[in-house]
């Protein structure tokens, strides 16, 4: 192979993480109406919509919100 191969790990390559610890994937089953709300909140992106909804709930219920550990 040529010594100038493409690809492989490179410093600074790739998309930056959305959170310092990365994200965790889960399957969620909701009604079509609920998904429509989520998609609206995320401008068509379901993951962004769920993150937006969680952030809204954190702000609304900040005193009561305690993450499970």
PDB file of N, CA and C in Angstrom:
ATOM      1  N   UNK A   1       0.828  -1.193   0.000  1.00  0.00           N
ATOM      2  CA  UNK A   1       0.000   0.000   0.000  1.00  0.00           C
ATOM      3  C   UNK A   1       0.867   1.250   0.000  1.00  0.00           C
ATOM      4  N   UNK A   2       0.276   2.302  -0.456  1.00  0.00           N
ATOM      5  CA  UNK A   2       0.935   3.600  -0.496  1.00  0.00           C
ATOM      6  C   UNK A   2       1.086   4.156   0.921  1.00  0.00           C
ATOM      7  N   UNK A   3       2.159   4.852   1.201  1.00  0.00           N
ATOM      8  CA  UNK A   3       2.371   5.420   2.536  1.00  0.00           C
ATOM      9  C   UNK A   3       1.438   6.587   2.821  1.00  0.00           C
ATOM     10  N   UNK A   4       0.712   7.045   1.830  1.00  0.00           N
ATOM     11  CA  UNK A   4      -0.224   8.160   2.012  1.00  0.00           C
ATOM     12  C   UNK A   4      -1.666   7.648   1.976  1.00  0.00           C
ATOM     13  N   UNK A   5      -1.950   6.623   2.767  1.00  0.00           N
ATOM     14  CA  UNK A   5      -3.293   6.058   2.822  1.00  0.00           C
ATOM     15  C   UNK A   5      -4.270   7.065   3.411  1.00  0.00           C
ATOM     16  N   UNK A   6      -5.493   6.960   2.991  1.00  0.00           N
ATOM     17  CA  UNK A   6      -6.549   7.821   3.525  1.00  0.00           C
ATOM     18  C   UNK A   6      -7.260   7.105   4.661  1.00  0.00           C
ATOM     19  N   UNK A   7      -7.922   7.886   5.495  1.00  0.00           N
ATOM     20  CA  UNK A   7      -8.718   7.311   6.569  1.00  0.00           C
ATOM     21  C   UNK A   7      -7.919   7.108   7.832  1.00  0.00           C
ATOM     22  N   UNK A   8      -8.538   6.450   8.776  1.00  0.00           N
ATOM     23  CA  UNK A   8      -7.889   6.203  10.060  1.00  0.00           C
ATOM     24  C   UNK A   8      -8.154   7.324  11.049  1.00  0.00           C
ATOM     25  N   UNK A   9      -7.707   7.125  12.267  1.00  0.00           N
ATOM     26  CA  UNK A   9      -7.915   8.128  13.322  1.00  0.00           C
ATOM     27  C   UNK A   9      -7.051   9.350  13.051  1.00  0.00           C
ATOM     28  N   UNK A  10      -7.680  10.502  13.276  1.00  0.00           N
ATOM     29  CA  UNK A  10      -6.965  11.768  13.127  1.00  0.00           C
ATOM     30  C   UNK A  10      -7.401  12.680  14.259  1.00  0.00           C
ATOM     31  N   UNK A  11      -6.491  13.404  14.798  1.00  0.00           N
ATOM     32  CA  UNK A  11      -6.796  14.341  15.865  1.00  0.00           C
ATOM     33  C   UNK A  11      -7.783  15.396  15.367  1.00  0.00           C
ATOM     34  N   UNK A  12      -8.877  15.585  16.117  1.00  0.00           N
ATOM     35  CA  UNK A  12      -9.862  16.605  15.760  1.00  0.00           C
ATOM     36  C   UNK A  12     -10.850  16.188  14.696  1.00  0.00           C
ATOM     37  N   UNK A  13     -10.774  14.958  14.200  1.00  0.00           N
ATOM     38  CA  UNK A  13     -11.683  14.502  13.151  1.00  0.00           C
ATOM     39  C   UNK A  13     -13.021  14.089  13.752  1.00  0.00           C
ATOM     40  N   UNK A  14     -14.069  14.174  12.978  1.00  0.00           N
ATOM     41  CA  UNK A  14     -15.390  13.721  13.401  1.00  0.00           C
ATOM     42  C   UNK A  14     -16.225  14.827  14.025  1.00  0.00           C
ATOM     43  N   UNK A  15     -17.487  14.489  14.289  1.00  0.00           N
ATOM     44  CA  UNK A  15     -18.390  15.446  14.909  1.00  0.00           C
ATOM     45  C   UNK A  15     -18.085  15.581  16.392  1.00  0.00           C
ATOM     46  N   UNK A  16     -18.224  16.803  16.927  1.00  0.00           N
ATOM     47  CA  UNK A  16     -18.029  16.949  18.371  1.00  0.00           C
ATOM     48  C   UNK A  16     -19.179  16.306  19.142  1.00  0.00           C
ATOM     49  N   UNK A  17     -18.918  15.824  20.346  1.00  0.00           N
ATOM     50  CA  UNK A  17     -19.946  15.208  21.177  1.00  0.00           C
ATOM     51  C   UNK A  17     -20.964  16.254  21.620  1.00  0.00           C
ATOM     52  N   UNK A  18     -22.210  15.814  21.779  1.00  0.00           N
ATOM     53  CA  UNK A  18     -23.247  16.691  22.291  1.00  0.00           C
ATOM     54  C   UNK A  18     -23.120  16.868  23.797  1.00  0.00           C
ATOM     55  N   UNK A  19     -22.586  15.871  24.466  1.00  0.00           N
ATOM     56  CA  UNK A  19     -22.356  15.942  25.906  1.00  0.00           C
ATOM     57  C   UNK A  19     -20.965  15.399  26.189  1.00  0.00           C
ATOM     58  N   UNK A  20     -20.344  15.818  27.288  1.00  0.00           N
ATOM     59  CA  UNK A  20     -18.986  15.343  27.578  1.00  0.00           C
ATOM     60  C   UNK A  20     -18.883  13.823  27.711  1.00  0.00           C
ATOM     61  N   UNK A  21     -19.921  13.191  28.256  1.00  0.00           N
ATOM     62  CA  UNK A  21     -19.889  11.744  28.469  1.00  0.00           C
ATOM     63  C   UNK A  21     -20.490  10.963  27.307  1.00  0.00           C
ATOM     64  N   UNK A  22     -20.889  11.633  26.243  1.00  0.00           N
ATOM     65  CA  UNK A  22     -21.538  10.959  25.127  1.00  0.00           C
ATOM     66  C   UNK A  22     -23.030  10.785  25.376  1.00  0.00           C
ATOM     67  N   UNK A  23     -23.690  10.082  24.519  1.00  0.00           N
ATOM     68  CA  UNK A  23     -25.126   9.867  24.614  1.00  0.00           C
ATOM     69  C   UNK A  23     -25.412   8.384  24.769  1.00  0.00           C
ATOM     70  N   UNK A  24     -26.588   8.069  25.312  1.00  0.00           N
ATOM     71  CA  UNK A  24     -27.023   6.686  25.487  1.00  0.00           C
ATOM     72  C   UNK A  24     -28.273   6.498  24.643  1.00  0.00           C
ATOM     73  N   UNK A  25     -28.329   5.421  23.893  1.00  0.00           N
ATOM     74  CA  UNK A  25     -29.447   5.133  23.007  1.00  0.00           C
ATOM     75  C   UNK A  25     -30.462   4.217  23.688  1.00  0.00           C
ATOM     76  N   UNK A  26     -31.760   4.524  23.502  1.00  0.00           N
ATOM     77  CA  UNK A  26     -32.851   3.687  24.006  1.00  0.00           C
ATOM     78  C   UNK A  26     -33.987   3.693  22.991  1.00  0.00           C
ATOM     79  N   UNK A  27     -34.744   2.605  22.948  1.00  0.00           N
ATOM     80  CA  UNK A  27     -35.944   2.548  22.119  1.00  0.00           C
ATOM     81  C   UNK A  27     -37.120   3.060  22.936  1.00  0.00           C
ATOM     82  N   UNK A  28     -37.964   3.880  22.321  1.00  0.00           N
ATOM     83  CA  UNK A  28     -39.122   4.440  23.002  1.00  0.00           C
ATOM     84  C   UNK A  28     -40.338   4.250  22.111  1.00  0.00           C
ATOM     85  N   UNK A  29     -41.440   3.772  22.695  1.00  0.00           N
ATOM     86  CA  UNK A  29     -42.681   3.592  21.955  1.00  0.00           C
ATOM     87  C   UNK A  29     -43.681   4.635  22.421  1.00  0.00           C
ATOM     88  N   UNK A  30     -44.130   5.473  21.493  1.00  0.00           N
ATOM     89  CA  UNK A  30     -45.104   6.530  21.784  1.00  0.00           C
ATOM     90  C   UNK A  30     -46.187   6.514  20.715  1.00  0.00           C
ATOM     91  N   UNK A  31     -47.297   7.174  21.013  1.00  0.00           N
ATOM     92  CA  UNK A  31     -48.364   7.295  20.019  1.00  0.00           C
ATOM     93  C   UNK A  31     -47.901   8.220  18.886  1.00  0.00           C
ATOM     94  N   UNK A  32     -48.606   8.158  17.776  1.00  0.00           N
ATOM     95  CA  UNK A  32     -48.285   9.014  16.633  1.00  0.00           C
ATOM     96  C   UNK A  32     -48.405  10.490  17.020  1.00  0.00           C
ATOM     97  N   UNK A  33     -49.408  10.816  17.835  1.00  0.00           N
ATOM     98  CA  UNK A  33     -49.577  12.203  18.287  1.00  0.00           C
ATOM     99  C   UNK A  33     -48.399  12.663  19.144  1.00  0.00           C
ATOM    100  N   UNK A  34     -47.918  11.775  20.032  1.00  0.00           N
ATOM    101  CA  UNK A  34     -46.768  12.116  20.866  1.00  0.00           C
ATOM    102  C   UNK A  34     -45.517  12.318  20.019  1.00  0.00           C
ATOM    103  N   UNK A  35     -45.305  11.449  19.017  1.00  0.00           N
ATOM    104  CA  UNK A  35     -44.142  11.617  18.140  1.00  0.00           C
ATOM    105  C   UNK A  35     -44.229  12.917  17.356  1.00  0.00           C
ATOM    106  N   UNK A  36     -45.433  13.313  16.990  1.00  0.00           N
ATOM    107  CA  UNK A  36     -45.597  14.583  16.267  1.00  0.00           C
ATOM    108  C   UNK A  36     -45.140  15.750  17.139  1.00  0.00           C
ATOM    109  N   UNK A  37     -45.471  15.708  18.427  1.00  0.00           N
ATOM    110  CA  UNK A  37     -45.027  16.757  19.349  1.00  0.00           C
ATOM    111  C   UNK A  37     -43.509  16.746  19.462  1.00  0.00           C
ATOM    112  N   UNK A  38     -42.933  15.559  19.649  1.00  0.00           N
ATOM    113  CA  UNK A  38     -41.478  15.419  19.775  1.00  0.00           C
ATOM    114  C   UNK A  38     -40.778  15.935  18.519  1.00  0.00           C
ATOM    115  N   UNK A  39     -41.292  15.567  17.355  1.00  0.00           N
ATOM    116  CA  UNK A  39     -40.687  16.006  16.095  1.00  0.00           C
ATOM    117  C   UNK A  39     -40.795  17.514  15.922  1.00  0.00           C
ATOM    118  N   UNK A  40     -41.895  18.097  16.362  1.00  0.00           N
ATOM    119  CA  UNK A  40     -42.051  19.547  16.290  1.00  0.00           C
ATOM    120  C   UNK A  40     -41.023  20.231  17.185  1.00  0.00           C
ATOM    121  N   UNK A  41     -40.863  19.728  18.404  1.00  0.00           N
ATOM    122  CA  UNK A  41     -39.885  20.302  19.328  1.00  0.00           C
ATOM    123  C   UNK A  41     -38.464  20.210  18.781  1.00  0.00           C
ATOM    124  N   UNK A  42     -38.172  19.148  18.046  1.00  0.00           N
ATOM    125  CA  UNK A  42     -36.831  18.929  17.515  1.00  0.00           C
ATOM    126  C   UNK A  42     -36.662  19.344  16.071  1.00  0.00           C
ATOM    127  N   UNK A  43     -37.626  20.122  15.534  1.00  0.00           N
ATOM    128  CA  UNK A  43     -37.551  20.546  14.123  1.00  0.00           C
ATOM    129  C   UNK A  43     -37.338  19.363  13.188  1.00  0.00           C
ATOM    130  N   UNK A  44     -38.100  18.286  13.422  1.00  0.00           N
ATOM    131  CA  UNK A  44     -38.023  17.101  12.579  1.00  0.00           C
ATOM    132  C   UNK A  44     -37.070  16.038  13.089  1.00  0.00           C
ATOM    133  N   UNK A  45     -36.275  16.334  14.098  1.00  0.00           N
ATOM    134  CA  UNK A  45     -35.308  15.398  14.649  1.00  0.00           C
ATOM    135  C   UNK A  45     -35.845  14.878  15.977  1.00  0.00           C
ATOM    136  N   UNK A  46     -36.179  13.591  16.028  1.00  0.00           N
ATOM    137  CA  UNK A  46     -36.783  13.025  17.234  1.00  0.00           C
ATOM    138  C   UNK A  46     -35.849  13.092  18.438  1.00  0.00           C
ATOM    139  N   UNK A  47     -34.590  12.780  18.250  1.00  0.00           N
ATOM    140  CA  UNK A  47     -33.644  12.821  19.368  1.00  0.00           C
ATOM    141  C   UNK A  47     -33.529  14.235  19.930  1.00  0.00           C
ATOM    142  N   UNK A  48     -33.424  15.204  19.047  1.00  0.00           N
ATOM    143  CA  UNK A  48     -33.344  16.599  19.491  1.00  0.00           C
ATOM    144  C   UNK A  48     -34.629  17.003  20.200  1.00  0.00           C
ATOM    145  N   UNK A  49     -35.765  16.506  19.740  1.00  0.00           N
ATOM    146  CA  UNK A  49     -37.039  16.809  20.374  1.00  0.00           C
ATOM    147  C   UNK A  49     -37.127  16.257  21.781  1.00  0.00           C
ATOM    148  N   UNK A  50     -36.658  15.036  21.976  1.00  0.00           N
ATOM    149  CA  UNK A  50     -36.669  14.442  23.321  1.00  0.00           C
ATOM    150  C   UNK A  50     -35.723  15.222  24.231  1.00  0.00           C
ATOM    151  N   UNK A  51     -34.524  15.567  23.728  1.00  0.00           N
ATOM    152  CA  UNK A  51     -33.589  16.349  24.540  1.00  0.00           C
ATOM    153  C   UNK A  51     -34.183  17.707  24.891  1.00  0.00           C
ATOM    154  N   UNK A  52     -34.887  18.329  23.959  1.00  0.00           N
ATOM    155  CA  UNK A  52     -35.530  19.612  24.209  1.00  0.00           C
ATOM    156  C   UNK A  52     -36.611  19.483  25.282  1.00  0.00           C
ATOM    157  N   UNK A  53     -37.409  18.431  25.198  1.00  0.00           N
ATOM    158  CA  UNK A  53     -38.460  18.192  26.184  1.00  0.00           C
ATOM    159  C   UNK A  53     -37.868  17.973  27.574  1.00  0.00           C
ATOM    160  N   UNK A  54     -36.795  17.209  27.665  1.00  0.00           N
ATOM    161  CA  UNK A  54     -36.144  16.979  28.956  1.00  0.00           C
ATOM    162  C   UNK A  54     -35.617  18.294  29.523  1.00  0.00           C
ATOM    163  N   UNK A  55     -35.000  19.106  28.687  1.00  0.00           N
ATOM    164  CA  UNK A  55     -34.480  20.393  29.147  1.00  0.00           C
ATOM    165  C   UNK A  55     -35.611  21.302  29.637  1.00  0.00           C
ATOM    166  N   UNK A  56     -36.734  21.298  28.929  1.00  0.00           N
ATOM    167  CA  UNK A  56     -37.886  22.091  29.363  1.00  0.00           C
ATOM    168  C   UNK A  56     -38.382  21.625  30.729  1.00  0.00           C
ATOM    169  N   UNK A  57     -38.437  20.324  30.935  1.00  0.00           N
ATOM    170  CA  UNK A  57     -38.892  19.782  32.217  1.00  0.00           C
ATOM    171  C   UNK A  57     -37.903  20.109  33.332  1.00  0.00           C
ATOM    172  N   UNK A  58     -36.625  20.064  33.020  1.00  0.00           N
ATOM    173  CA  UNK A  58     -35.615  20.425  34.029  1.00  0.00           C
ATOM    174  C   UNK A  58     -35.792  21.868  34.472  1.00  0.00           C
ATOM    175  N   UNK A  59     -36.032  22.756  33.535  1.00  0.00           N
ATOM    176  CA  UNK A  59     -36.210  24.170  33.866  1.00  0.00           C
ATOM    177  C   UNK A  59     -37.504  24.385  34.649  1.00  0.00           C
ATOM    178  N   UNK A  60     -38.573  23.720  34.260  1.00  0.00           N
ATOM    179  CA  UNK A  60     -39.876  23.890  34.896  1.00  0.00           C
ATOM    180  C   UNK A  60     -39.890  23.331  36.316  1.00  0.00           C
ATOM    181  N   UNK A  61     -39.259  22.205  36.501  1.00  0.00           N
ATOM    182  CA  UNK A  61     -39.297  21.498  37.789  1.00  0.00           C
ATOM    183  C   UNK A  61     -37.905  21.385  38.389  1.00  0.00           C
ATOM    184  N   UNK A  62     -37.106  22.421  38.287  1.00  0.00           N
ATOM    185  CA  UNK A  62     -35.708  22.373  38.725  1.00  0.00           C
ATOM    186  C   UNK A  62     -35.569  21.953  40.186  1.00  0.00           C
ATOM    187  N   UNK A  63     -36.430  22.444  41.051  1.00  0.00           N
ATOM    188  CA  UNK A  63     -36.319  22.121  42.473  1.00  0.00           C
ATOM    189  C   UNK A  63     -36.641  20.652  42.734  1.00  0.00           C
ATOM    190  N   UNK A  64     -37.542  20.073  41.939  1.00  0.00           N
ATOM    191  CA  UNK A  64     -37.950  18.692  42.156  1.00  0.00           C
ATOM    192  C   UNK A  64     -37.108  17.695  41.355  1.00  0.00           C
ATOM    193  N   UNK A  65     -36.328  18.186  40.402  1.00  0.00           N
ATOM    194  CA  UNK A  65     -35.585  17.285  39.519  1.00  0.00           C
ATOM    195  C   UNK A  65     -34.330  16.781  40.197  1.00  0.00           C
ATOM    196  N   UNK A  66     -34.241  15.496  40.397  1.00  0.00           N
ATOM    197  CA  UNK A  66     -33.046  14.853  40.913  1.00  0.00           C
ATOM    198  C   UNK A  66     -32.769  13.641  40.036  1.00  0.00           C
ATOM    199  N   UNK A  67     -31.674  13.677  39.262  1.00  0.00           N
ATOM    200  CA  UNK A  67     -31.378  12.527  38.390  1.00  0.00           C
ATOM    201  C   UNK A  67     -31.192  11.237  39.197  1.00  0.00           C
ATOM    202  N   UNK A  68     -31.653  10.145  38.636  1.00  0.00           N
ATOM    203  CA  UNK A  68     -31.436   8.842  39.258  1.00  0.00           C
ATOM    204  C   UNK A  68     -29.992   8.427  39.023  1.00  0.00           C
ATOM    205  N   UNK A  69     -29.372   7.867  40.032  1.00  0.00           N
ATOM    206  CA  UNK A  69     -27.980   7.425  39.857  1.00  0.00           C
ATOM    207  C   UNK A  69     -27.876   5.943  40.084  1.00  0.00           C
TER     208      UNK A  69
END
